[in-house]
Amino acid sequence: MFHRRSNSQQDQESKELHAESKIKELKRAIGPLSGRSLKYCTDACFRRYLEARNWNVDKSKKMLEDTLRWRSTYKPEEIRWHEVAMEGETGKLYRAGFHDRQGRTVLILRPGMQNTSSMENQMRHLVYLLENAMLNLAPGQEQMAWLIDFTGWSLTNNVPLKSARESINILQNHYPERLAVAFLYNPPRVFEAFWKIVKYFLDNKTFQKVKFVYPKNKDSVELMRSYFDEENLPTELGGKSTLNYNHEEFSRLMAQDDLKCSAFWGSDDKLSNHIANGNFTAEVAPEPICNETPPIVST
């Protein structure tokens, strides 16, 4: 017996056919690629850029070409942990040792733990962790989640507007559709003035992904818990686990991930030279596990 397909099934099939058609069109518009650009431009990549520009091929083409130029000069895949480790000493930004309920990589940001003043180094640290988050995505997963902890934050140690704007530009322009959601947990009242300015740097798609969570607001807490198991969340973010960032442990994990990154993108003379010069102290497994998560948060 034949069963009539539902309208929802037909709509989904139609959307997929439309997406495949647009991806092929964007591929033709971009033209032949080689080297790391070819490896970067997977079908999933083309889809993300199309989604970011509402499936407009011309706009998606410009956006992707801008990213390819940026990657060819900035070389984010060549940044190594030993170059940015000082930025991470306080744990102001790191990959969490747990995933959200969808299995997405989680980055924890703690702006109150800012420890440096060089915007250039701060951006390299951010880009390194963005690349690392992508490197550690589960199979079939394309996005990450952000948890922003405002413990210790004040206007005196606040991120300068210029740095905030550059961070947003990098995320929106060169990592489109990589952010699933960003939870801002219990920001102080004085943050509102800063947010009124920063929000204008966000495009509408990114703006919709930003969620404010206040411990006394039941709806916001429930929304956050719909994304995360409270057994995994640290107490600072309303959960039940203990947050204990260990810089040495995290550095060892990043050293392993640097080898994974090198293997994925190709040879890495910079990392080889660093090891050869006796500057590499972390114990590195010869074949690190791709989905290993850092031993940073324990329950």
C-alpha atoms as a PDB file:
ATOM      1  CA  MET A   1       0.000   0.000   0.000  1.00  0.00           C
ATOM      2  CA  PHE A   2       1.284   3.429  -0.903  1.00  0.00           C
ATOM      3  CA  HIS A   3       1.200   6.148   1.697  1.00  0.00           C
ATOM      4  CA  ARG A   4       0.742   9.761   0.709  1.00  0.00           C
ATOM      5  CA  ARG A   5       3.613  11.891   1.891  1.00  0.00           C
ATOM      6  CA  SER A   6       2.702  14.595   4.348  1.00  0.00           C
ATOM      7  CA  ASN A   7       2.948  18.256   3.431  1.00  0.00           C
ATOM      8  CA  SER A   8       5.773  18.667   5.952  1.00  0.00           C
ATOM      9  CA  GLN A   9       7.772  15.897   4.263  1.00  0.00           C
ATOM     10  CA  GLN A  10       7.211  17.462   0.865  1.00  0.00           C
ATOM     11  CA  ASP A  11       8.223  20.871   2.188  1.00  0.00           C
ATOM     12  CA  GLN A  12      11.397  19.437   3.697  1.00  0.00           C
ATOM     13  CA  GLU A  13      12.316  17.676   0.478  1.00  0.00           C
ATOM     14  CA  SER A  14      11.663  20.863  -1.466  1.00  0.00           C
ATOM     15  CA  LYS A  15      13.892  22.844   0.902  1.00  0.00           C
ATOM     16  CA  GLU A  16      16.696  20.314   0.574  1.00  0.00           C
ATOM     17  CA  LEU A  17      16.497  20.366  -3.210  1.00  0.00           C
ATOM     18  CA  HIS A  18      16.576  24.157  -3.128  1.00  0.00           C
ATOM     19  CA  ALA A  19      19.578  24.100  -0.787  1.00  0.00           C
ATOM     20  CA  GLU A  20      21.461  21.621  -2.989  1.00  0.00           C
ATOM     21  CA  SER A  21      20.766  23.781  -6.017  1.00  0.00           C
ATOM     22  CA  LYS A  22      22.060  26.898  -4.252  1.00  0.00           C
ATOM     23  CA  ILE A  23      25.173  25.084  -3.027  1.00  0.00           C
ATOM     24  CA  LYS A  24      25.988  23.984  -6.575  1.00  0.00           C
ATOM     25  CA  GLU A  25      25.405  27.533  -7.810  1.00  0.00           C
ATOM     26  CA  LEU A  26      27.726  28.974  -5.157  1.00  0.00           C
ATOM     27  CA  LYS A  27      30.390  26.391  -5.994  1.00  0.00           C
ATOM     28  CA  ARG A  28      30.281  27.431  -9.636  1.00  0.00           C
ATOM     29  CA  ALA A  29      30.439  31.101  -8.665  1.00  0.00           C
ATOM     30  CA  ILE A  30      33.497  30.562  -6.446  1.00  0.00           C
ATOM     31  CA  GLY A  31      35.286  28.542  -9.110  1.00  0.00           C
ATOM     32  CA  PRO A  32      38.181  26.091  -8.763  1.00  0.00           C
ATOM     33  CA  LEU A  33      39.887  25.899  -5.367  1.00  0.00           C
ATOM     34  CA  SER A  34      43.069  24.265  -4.181  1.00  0.00           C
ATOM     35  CA  GLY A  35      45.054  23.578  -1.037  1.00  0.00           C
ATOM     36  CA  ARG A  36      43.552  24.619   2.263  1.00  0.00           C
ATOM     37  CA  SER A  37      40.803  26.649   0.584  1.00  0.00           C
ATOM     38  CA  LEU A  38      39.571  23.463  -1.042  1.00  0.00           C
ATOM     39  CA  LYS A  39      39.625  21.634   2.279  1.00  0.00           C
ATOM     40  CA  TYR A  40      37.810  24.519   3.985  1.00  0.00           C
ATOM     41  CA  CYS A  41      35.034  24.784   1.385  1.00  0.00           C
ATOM     42  CA  THR A  42      32.996  21.684   2.078  1.00  0.00           C
ATOM     43  CA  ASP A  43      29.316  21.461   1.186  1.00  0.00           C
ATOM     44  CA  ALA A  44      28.518  22.199   4.828  1.00  0.00           C
ATOM     45  CA  CYS A  45      30.688  25.311   4.591  1.00  0.00           C
ATOM     46  CA  PHE A  46      28.884  26.537   1.467  1.00  0.00           C
ATOM     47  CA  ARG A  47      25.572  25.967   3.230  1.00  0.00           C
ATOM     48  CA  ARG A  48      26.623  28.026   6.265  1.00  0.00           C
ATOM     49  CA  TYR A  49      27.590  31.003   4.122  1.00  0.00           C
ATOM     50  CA  LEU A  50      24.356  30.738   2.167  1.00  0.00           C
ATOM     51  CA  GLU A  51      22.310  30.592   5.364  1.00  0.00           C
ATOM     52  CA  ALA A  52      24.181  33.612   6.720  1.00  0.00           C
ATOM     53  CA  ARG A  53      23.158  35.614   3.639  1.00  0.00           C
ATOM     54  CA  ASN A  54      19.612  34.271   3.344  1.00  0.00           C
ATOM     55  CA  TRP A  55      20.551  32.048   0.398  1.00  0.00           C
ATOM     56  CA  ASN A  56      21.586  34.986  -1.792  1.00  0.00           C
ATOM     57  CA  VAL A  57      24.390  33.504  -3.902  1.00  0.00           C
ATOM     58  CA  ASP A  58      26.042  36.813  -4.807  1.00  0.00           C
ATOM     59  CA  LYS A  59      26.191  37.972  -1.186  1.00  0.00           C
ATOM     60  CA  SER A  60      27.329  34.528  -0.023  1.00  0.00           C
ATOM     61  CA  LYS A  61      30.063  34.516  -2.669  1.00  0.00           C
ATOM     62  CA  LYS A  62      31.400  37.868  -1.483  1.00  0.00           C
ATOM     63  CA  MET A  63      31.303  36.764   2.150  1.00  0.00           C
ATOM     64  CA  LEU A  64      33.101  33.488   1.465  1.00  0.00           C
ATOM     65  CA  GLU A  65      35.718  35.154  -0.739  1.00  0.00           C
ATOM     66  CA  ASP A  66      36.383  37.673   2.032  1.00  0.00           C
ATOM     67  CA  THR A  67      36.886  34.800   4.475  1.00  0.00           C
ATOM     68  CA  LEU A  68      39.236  32.942   2.129  1.00  0.00           C
ATOM     69  CA  ARG A  69      41.332  36.089   1.767  1.00  0.00           C
ATOM     70  CA  TRP A  70      41.309  36.578   5.528  1.00  0.00           C
ATOM     71  CA  ARG A  71      42.334  32.975   6.165  1.00  0.00           C
ATOM     72  CA  SER A  72      45.143  33.183   3.604  1.00  0.00           C
ATOM     73  CA  THR A  73      46.691  36.162   5.416  1.00  0.00           C
ATOM     74  CA  TYR A  74      45.674  35.636   9.068  1.00  0.00           C
ATOM     75  CA  LYS A  75      46.267  31.871   8.841  1.00  0.00           C
ATOM     76  CA  PRO A  76      44.061  30.902  11.800  1.00  0.00           C
ATOM     77  CA  GLU A  77      44.796  27.201  11.332  1.00  0.00           C
ATOM     78  CA  GLU A  78      48.482  27.870  11.973  1.00  0.00           C
ATOM     79  CA  ILE A  79      48.083  29.540  15.367  1.00  0.00           C
ATOM     80  CA  ARG A  80      49.453  27.239  18.066  1.00  0.00           C
ATOM     81  CA  TRP A  81      48.721  27.124  21.765  1.00  0.00           C
ATOM     82  CA  HIS A  82      52.224  28.057  22.875  1.00  0.00           C
ATOM     83  CA  GLU A  83      51.748  31.369  21.022  1.00  0.00           C
ATOM     84  CA  VAL A  84      48.584  32.332  22.905  1.00  0.00           C
ATOM     85  CA  ALA A  85      48.897  30.349  26.159  1.00  0.00           C
ATOM     86  CA  MET A  86      49.593  33.475  28.218  1.00  0.00           C
ATOM     87  CA  GLU A  87      46.178  34.811  27.218  1.00  0.00           C
ATOM     88  CA  GLY A  88      44.572  31.706  28.689  1.00  0.00           C
ATOM     89  CA  GLU A  89      46.313  31.640  32.062  1.00  0.00           C
ATOM     90  CA  THR A  90      43.266  32.893  33.996  1.00  0.00           C
ATOM     91  CA  GLY A  91      40.749  30.762  32.103  1.00  0.00           C
ATOM     92  CA  LYS A  92      38.992  33.784  30.628  1.00  0.00           C
ATOM     93  CA  LEU A  93      38.137  31.712  27.546  1.00  0.00           C
ATOM     94  CA  TYR A  94      38.379  27.962  27.128  1.00  0.00           C
ATOM     95  CA  ARG A  95      36.672  24.895  25.731  1.00  0.00           C
ATOM     96  CA  ALA A  96      34.528  23.267  28.386  1.00  0.00           C
ATOM     97  CA  GLY A  97      34.784  19.643  29.437  1.00  0.00           C
ATOM     98  CA  PHE A  98      31.137  18.996  28.567  1.00  0.00           C
ATOM     99  CA  HIS A  99      28.738  19.458  25.663  1.00  0.00           C
ATOM    100  CA  ASP A 100      25.225  20.844  25.477  1.00  0.00           C
ATOM    101  CA  ARG A 101      22.224  18.549  25.093  1.00  0.00           C
ATOM    102  CA  GLN A 102      22.692  18.551  21.311  1.00  0.00           C
ATOM    103  CA  GLY A 103      26.298  17.423  21.607  1.00  0.00           C
ATOM    104  CA  ARG A 104      27.714  20.790  20.629  1.00  0.00           C
ATOM    105  CA  THR A 105      31.126  22.046  21.694  1.00  0.00           C
ATOM    106  CA  VAL A 106      30.891  24.598  24.516  1.00  0.00           C
ATOM    107  CA  LEU A 107      33.123  27.621  25.008  1.00  0.00           C
ATOM    108  CA  ILE A 108      33.141  29.314  28.408  1.00  0.00           C
ATOM    109  CA  LEU A 109      33.935  33.013  28.480  1.00  0.00           C
ATOM    110  CA  ARG A 110      34.722  34.839  31.722  1.00  0.00           C
ATOM    111  CA  PRO A 111      35.274  38.519  30.876  1.00  0.00           C
ATOM    112  CA  GLY A 112      35.919  39.314  34.542  1.00  0.00           C
ATOM    113  CA  MET A 113      39.151  37.279  34.279  1.00  0.00           C
ATOM    114  CA  GLN A 114      40.764  39.523  31.678  1.00  0.00           C
ATOM    115  CA  ASN A 115      44.542  39.469  32.191  1.00  0.00           C
ATOM    116  CA  THR A 116      46.097  41.199  29.172  1.00  0.00           C
ATOM    117  CA  SER A 117      45.825  44.440  27.220  1.00  0.00           C
ATOM    118  CA  SER A 118      47.016  43.600  23.689  1.00  0.00           C
ATOM    119  CA  MET A 119      43.970  43.436  21.408  1.00  0.00           C
ATOM    120  CA  GLU A 120      46.005  41.674  18.715  1.00  0.00           C
ATOM    121  CA  ASN A 121      46.965  38.855  21.080  1.00  0.00           C
ATOM    122  CA  GLN A 122      43.448  38.658  22.489  1.00  0.00           C
ATOM    123  CA  MET A 123      42.018  38.232  18.979  1.00  0.00           C
ATOM    124  CA  ARG A 124      44.558  35.513  18.149  1.00  0.00           C
ATOM    125  CA  HIS A 125      43.572  33.716  21.346  1.00  0.00           C
ATOM    126  CA  LEU A 126      39.892  33.990  20.416  1.00  0.00           C
ATOM    127  CA  VAL A 127      40.510  32.743  16.879  1.00  0.00           C
ATOM    128  CA  TYR A 128      42.599  29.859  18.196  1.00  0.00           C
ATOM    129  CA  LEU A 129      39.741  28.732  20.458  1.00  0.00           C
ATOM    130  CA  LEU A 130      37.185  29.137  17.659  1.00  0.00           C
ATOM    131  CA  GLU A 131      39.301  26.928  15.417  1.00  0.00           C
ATOM    132  CA  ASN A 132      39.771  24.481  18.278  1.00  0.00           C
ATOM    133  CA  ALA A 133      36.035  24.347  18.922  1.00  0.00           C
ATOM    134  CA  MET A 134      35.448  23.513  15.259  1.00  0.00           C
ATOM    135  CA  LEU A 135      38.191  20.881  15.332  1.00  0.00           C
ATOM    136  CA  ASN A 136      36.408  19.128  18.198  1.00  0.00           C
ATOM    137  CA  LEU A 137      32.864  19.145  16.875  1.00  0.00           C
ATOM    138  CA  ALA A 138      31.088  15.808  16.937  1.00  0.00           C
ATOM    139  CA  PRO A 139      30.448  14.158  13.554  1.00  0.00           C
ATOM    140  CA  GLY A 140      27.555  15.866  11.804  1.00  0.00           C
ATOM    141  CA  GLN A 141      27.614  18.807  14.207  1.00  0.00           C
ATOM    142  CA  GLU A 142      28.324  22.276  12.812  1.00  0.00           C
ATOM    143  CA  GLN A 143      27.770  24.623  15.735  1.00  0.00           C
ATOM    144  CA  MET A 144      29.017  25.542  19.182  1.00  0.00           C
ATOM    145  CA  ALA A 145      27.437  27.097  22.268  1.00  0.00           C
ATOM    146  CA  TRP A 146      28.813  29.918  24.398  1.00  0.00           C
ATOM    147  CA  LEU A 147      28.416  30.362  28.136  1.00  0.00           C
ATOM    148  CA  ILE A 148      29.429  33.800  29.397  1.00  0.00           C
ATOM    149  CA  ASP A 149      30.046  34.047  33.136  1.00  0.00           C
ATOM    150  CA  PHE A 150      30.064  37.599  34.523  1.00  0.00           C
ATOM    151  CA  THR A 151      31.562  36.718  37.900  1.00  0.00           C
ATOM    152  CA  GLY A 152      34.099  39.404  38.752  1.00  0.00           C
ATOM    153  CA  TRP A 153      33.110  41.624  35.839  1.00  0.00           C
ATOM    154  CA  SER A 154      33.060  45.384  36.263  1.00  0.00           C
ATOM    155  CA  LEU A 155      33.466  48.486  34.141  1.00  0.00           C
ATOM    156  CA  THR A 156      37.100  48.715  35.240  1.00  0.00           C
ATOM    157  CA  ASN A 157      38.054  45.345  33.702  1.00  0.00           C
ATOM    158  CA  ASN A 158      35.540  45.510  30.878  1.00  0.00           C
ATOM    159  CA  VAL A 159      36.515  44.549  27.327  1.00  0.00           C
ATOM    160  CA  PRO A 160      37.081  47.747  25.302  1.00  0.00           C
ATOM    161  CA  LEU A 161      34.410  48.458  22.702  1.00  0.00           C
ATOM    162  CA  LYS A 162      36.998  48.174  19.951  1.00  0.00           C
ATOM    163  CA  SER A 163      37.867  44.631  21.079  1.00  0.00           C
ATOM    164  CA  ALA A 164      34.196  43.671  21.415  1.00  0.00           C
ATOM    165  CA  ARG A 165      33.477  44.934  17.931  1.00  0.00           C
ATOM    166  CA  GLU A 166      36.439  43.094  16.415  1.00  0.00           C
ATOM    167  CA  SER A 167      35.435  39.869  18.185  1.00  0.00           C
ATOM    168  CA  ILE A 168      31.919  40.158  16.790  1.00  0.00           C
ATOM    169  CA  ASN A 169      33.218  40.919  13.295  1.00  0.00           C
ATOM    170  CA  ILE A 170      35.427  37.832  13.317  1.00  0.00           C
ATOM    171  CA  LEU A 171      32.636  35.582  14.558  1.00  0.00           C
ATOM    172  CA  GLN A 172      29.961  36.920  12.193  1.00  0.00           C
ATOM    173  CA  ASN A 173      32.054  37.403   9.064  1.00  0.00           C
ATOM    174  CA  HIS A 174      34.429  34.453   9.183  1.00  0.00           C
ATOM    175  CA  TYR A 175      32.595  31.843  11.292  1.00  0.00           C
ATOM    176  CA  PRO A 176      29.013  32.279  10.051  1.00  0.00           C
ATOM    177  CA  GLU A 177      26.369  29.980  11.483  1.00  0.00           C
ATOM    178  CA  ARG A 178      28.908  28.449  13.853  1.00  0.00           C
ATOM    179  CA  LEU A 179      27.253  29.929  16.935  1.00  0.00           C
ATOM    180  CA  ALA A 180      24.092  28.126  18.016  1.00  0.00           C
ATOM    181  CA  VAL A 181      23.412  30.117  21.173  1.00  0.00           C
ATOM    182  CA  ALA A 182      25.194  32.422  23.619  1.00  0.00           C
ATOM    183  CA  PHE A 183      23.982  32.596  27.214  1.00  0.00           C
ATOM    184  CA  LEU A 184      24.965  35.684  29.208  1.00  0.00           C
ATOM    185  CA  TYR A 185      24.620  34.578  32.814  1.00  0.00           C
ATOM    186  CA  ASN A 186      23.658  37.121  35.451  1.00  0.00           C
ATOM    187  CA  PRO A 187      25.301  40.250  34.001  1.00  0.00           C
ATOM    188  CA  PRO A 188      25.315  43.189  36.450  1.00  0.00           C
ATOM    189  CA  ARG A 189      23.075  46.190  35.893  1.00  0.00           C
ATOM    190  CA  VAL A 190      25.994  48.327  34.753  1.00  0.00           C
ATOM    191  CA  PHE A 191      26.454  45.943  31.813  1.00  0.00           C
ATOM    192  CA  GLU A 192      23.239  47.285  30.295  1.00  0.00           C
ATOM    193  CA  ALA A 193      24.958  50.491  29.174  1.00  0.00           C
ATOM    194  CA  PHE A 194      27.710  48.478  27.476  1.00  0.00           C
ATOM    195  CA  TRP A 195      25.166  46.140  25.855  1.00  0.00           C
ATOM    196  CA  LYS A 196      23.141  49.027  24.409  1.00  0.00           C
ATOM    197  CA  ILE A 197      26.171  49.885  22.295  1.00  0.00           C
ATOM    198  CA  VAL A 198      27.468  46.370  21.541  1.00  0.00           C
ATOM    199  CA  LYS A 199      24.132  45.035  20.293  1.00  0.00           C
ATOM    200  CA  TYR A 200      24.285  47.350  17.299  1.00  0.00           C
ATOM    201  CA  PHE A 201      27.377  45.496  16.096  1.00  0.00           C
ATOM    202  CA  LEU A 202      25.351  42.280  15.860  1.00  0.00           C
ATOM    203  CA  ASP A 203      23.438  41.261  12.771  1.00  0.00           C
ATOM    204  CA  ASN A 204      19.888  40.085  13.365  1.00  0.00           C
ATOM    205  CA  LYS A 205      20.737  36.385  13.127  1.00  0.00           C
ATOM    206  CA  THR A 206      23.414  36.664  15.823  1.00  0.00           C
ATOM    207  CA  PHE A 207      21.300  38.958  17.974  1.00  0.00           C
ATOM    208  CA  GLN A 208      18.538  36.348  18.120  1.00  0.00           C
ATOM    209  CA  LYS A 209      21.010  33.791  19.480  1.00  0.00           C
ATOM    210  CA  VAL A 210      21.979  35.893  22.511  1.00  0.00           C
ATOM    211  CA  LYS A 211      20.054  34.940  25.651  1.00  0.00           C
ATOM    212  CA  PHE A 212      20.209  36.673  29.026  1.00  0.00           C
ATOM    213  CA  VAL A 213      19.855  34.467  32.085  1.00  0.00           C
ATOM    214  CA  TYR A 214      19.105  35.725  35.592  1.00  0.00           C
ATOM    215  CA  PRO A 215      18.940  33.318  38.554  1.00  0.00           C
ATOM    216  CA  LYS A 216      15.693  34.906  39.806  1.00  0.00           C
ATOM    217  CA  ASN A 217      14.029  34.753  36.402  1.00  0.00           C
ATOM    218  CA  LYS A 218      12.548  31.276  36.187  1.00  0.00           C
ATOM    219  CA  ASP A 219      11.839  31.400  32.448  1.00  0.00           C
ATOM    220  CA  SER A 220      15.416  32.343  31.551  1.00  0.00           C
ATOM    221  CA  VAL A 221      16.810  29.642  33.852  1.00  0.00           C
ATOM    222  CA  GLU A 222      14.527  27.026  32.324  1.00  0.00           C
ATOM    223  CA  LEU A 223      15.582  28.088  28.836  1.00  0.00           C
ATOM    224  CA  MET A 224      19.224  27.616  29.736  1.00  0.00           C
ATOM    225  CA  ARG A 225      18.522  24.225  31.279  1.00  0.00           C
ATOM    226  CA  SER A 226      16.772  23.149  28.095  1.00  0.00           C
ATOM    227  CA  TYR A 227      20.189  23.462  26.457  1.00  0.00           C
ATOM    228  CA  PHE A 228      22.397  22.150  29.274  1.00  0.00           C
ATOM    229  CA  ASP A 229      22.303  19.438  31.900  1.00  0.00           C
ATOM    230  CA  GLU A 230      22.628  21.223  35.257  1.00  0.00           C
ATOM    231  CA  GLU A 231      24.871  18.389  36.448  1.00  0.00           C
ATOM    232  CA  ASN A 232      27.437  19.639  33.930  1.00  0.00           C
ATOM    233  CA  LEU A 233      26.990  23.344  34.492  1.00  0.00           C
ATOM    234  CA  PRO A 234      29.322  24.919  37.075  1.00  0.00           C
ATOM    235  CA  THR A 235      27.751  26.536  40.123  1.00  0.00           C
ATOM    236  CA  GLU A 236      28.825  29.947  38.817  1.00  0.00           C
ATOM    237  CA  LEU A 237      26.409  29.356  35.937  1.00  0.00           C
ATOM    238  CA  GLY A 238      23.583  27.964  38.019  1.00  0.00           C
ATOM    239  CA  GLY A 239      24.602  24.316  37.815  1.00  0.00           C
ATOM    240  CA  LYS A 240      25.834  21.693  40.257  1.00  0.00           C
ATOM    241  CA  SER A 241      29.445  21.086  39.193  1.00  0.00           C
ATOM    242  CA  THR A 242      32.593  22.750  40.462  1.00  0.00           C
ATOM    243  CA  LEU A 243      34.468  24.998  38.084  1.00  0.00           C
ATOM    244  CA  ASN A 244      38.181  24.396  38.420  1.00  0.00           C
ATOM    245  CA  TYR A 245      40.184  25.659  35.469  1.00  0.00           C
ATOM    246  CA  ASN A 246      43.615  24.041  35.439  1.00  0.00           C
ATOM    247  CA  HIS A 247      45.868  25.860  32.999  1.00  0.00           C
ATOM    248  CA  GLU A 248      48.508  23.113  32.874  1.00  0.00           C
ATOM    249  CA  GLU A 249      45.942  20.411  32.147  1.00  0.00           C
ATOM    250  CA  PHE A 250      44.276  22.557  29.494  1.00  0.00           C
ATOM    251  CA  SER A 251      47.647  23.342  27.929  1.00  0.00           C
ATOM    252  CA  ARG A 252      48.429  19.629  27.615  1.00  0.00           C
ATOM    253  CA  LEU A 253      45.106  19.077  25.884  1.00  0.00           C
ATOM    254  CA  MET A 254      45.712  21.987  23.519  1.00  0.00           C
ATOM    255  CA  ALA A 255      49.144  20.559  22.688  1.00  0.00           C
ATOM    256  CA  GLN A 256      47.430  17.356  21.615  1.00  0.00           C
ATOM    257  CA  ASP A 257      44.891  19.309  19.608  1.00  0.00           C
ATOM    258  CA  ASP A 258      47.682  21.216  17.865  1.00  0.00           C
ATOM    259  CA  LEU A 259      48.899  17.903  16.497  1.00  0.00           C
ATOM    260  CA  LYS A 260      45.373  17.054  15.357  1.00  0.00           C
ATOM    261  CA  CYS A 261      45.097  20.444  13.681  1.00  0.00           C
ATOM    262  CA  SER A 262      48.457  19.980  11.967  1.00  0.00           C
ATOM    263  CA  ALA A 263      47.434  16.558  10.718  1.00  0.00           C
ATOM    264  CA  PHE A 264      44.149  17.923   9.368  1.00  0.00           C
ATOM    265  CA  TRP A 265      45.515  20.991   7.574  1.00  0.00           C
ATOM    266  CA  GLY A 266      48.922  19.700   6.559  1.00  0.00           C
ATOM    267  CA  SER A 267      52.544  20.066   7.613  1.00  0.00           C
ATOM    268  CA  ASP A 268      53.383  22.421  10.454  1.00  0.00           C
ATOM    269  CA  ASP A 269      56.984  23.610  10.446  1.00  0.00           C
ATOM    270  CA  LYS A 270      56.227  26.099  13.212  1.00  0.00           C
ATOM    271  CA  LEU A 271      55.114  23.392  15.635  1.00  0.00           C
ATOM    272  CA  SER A 272      57.990  21.123  14.626  1.00  0.00           C
ATOM    273  CA  ASN A 273      60.516  23.881  15.239  1.00  0.00           C
ATOM    274  CA  HIS A 274      58.958  24.671  18.608  1.00  0.00           C
ATOM    275  CA  ILE A 275      59.334  21.038  19.690  1.00  0.00           C
ATOM    276  CA  ALA A 276      62.839  20.760  18.246  1.00  0.00           C
ATOM    277  CA  ASN A 277      63.950  23.818  20.212  1.00  0.00           C
ATOM    278  CA  GLY A 278      63.036  22.132  23.473  1.00  0.00           C
ATOM    279  CA  ASN A 279      60.078  24.425  24.201  1.00  0.00           C
ATOM    280  CA  PHE A 280      57.489  21.677  24.235  1.00  0.00           C
ATOM    281  CA  THR A 281      56.921  20.342  27.724  1.00  0.00           C
ATOM    282  CA  ALA A 282      53.459  18.856  27.631  1.00  0.00           C
ATOM    283  CA  GLU A 283      53.052  15.106  27.394  1.00  0.00           C
ATOM    284  CA  VAL A 284      51.461  14.431  24.038  1.00  0.00           C
ATOM    285  CA  ALA A 285      49.847  11.168  23.048  1.00  0.00           C
ATOM    286  CA  PRO A 286      50.974  10.044  19.576  1.00  0.00           C
ATOM    287  CA  GLU A 287      47.386   9.495  18.466  1.00  0.00           C
ATOM    288  CA  PRO A 288      45.066  11.806  20.455  1.00  0.00           C
ATOM    289  CA  ILE A 289      41.423  10.886  20.606  1.00  0.00           C
ATOM    290  CA  CYS A 290      39.447  13.209  18.331  1.00  0.00           C
ATOM    291  CA  ASN A 291      36.499  13.703  20.646  1.00  0.00           C
ATOM    292  CA  GLU A 292      38.456  13.943  23.899  1.00  0.00           C
ATOM    293  CA  THR A 293      37.246  16.749  26.149  1.00  0.00           C
ATOM    294  CA  PRO A 294      39.353  18.698  28.620  1.00  0.00           C
ATOM    295  CA  PRO A 295      39.412  17.669  32.283  1.00  0.00           C
ATOM    296  CA  ILE A 296      38.426  21.173  33.387  1.00  0.00           C
ATOM    297  CA  VAL A 297      35.066  20.785  35.080  1.00  0.00           C
ATOM    298  CA  SER A 298      34.362  18.005  37.520  1.00  0.00           C
ATOM    299  CA  THR A 299      31.174  17.230  39.317  1.00  0.00           C
END
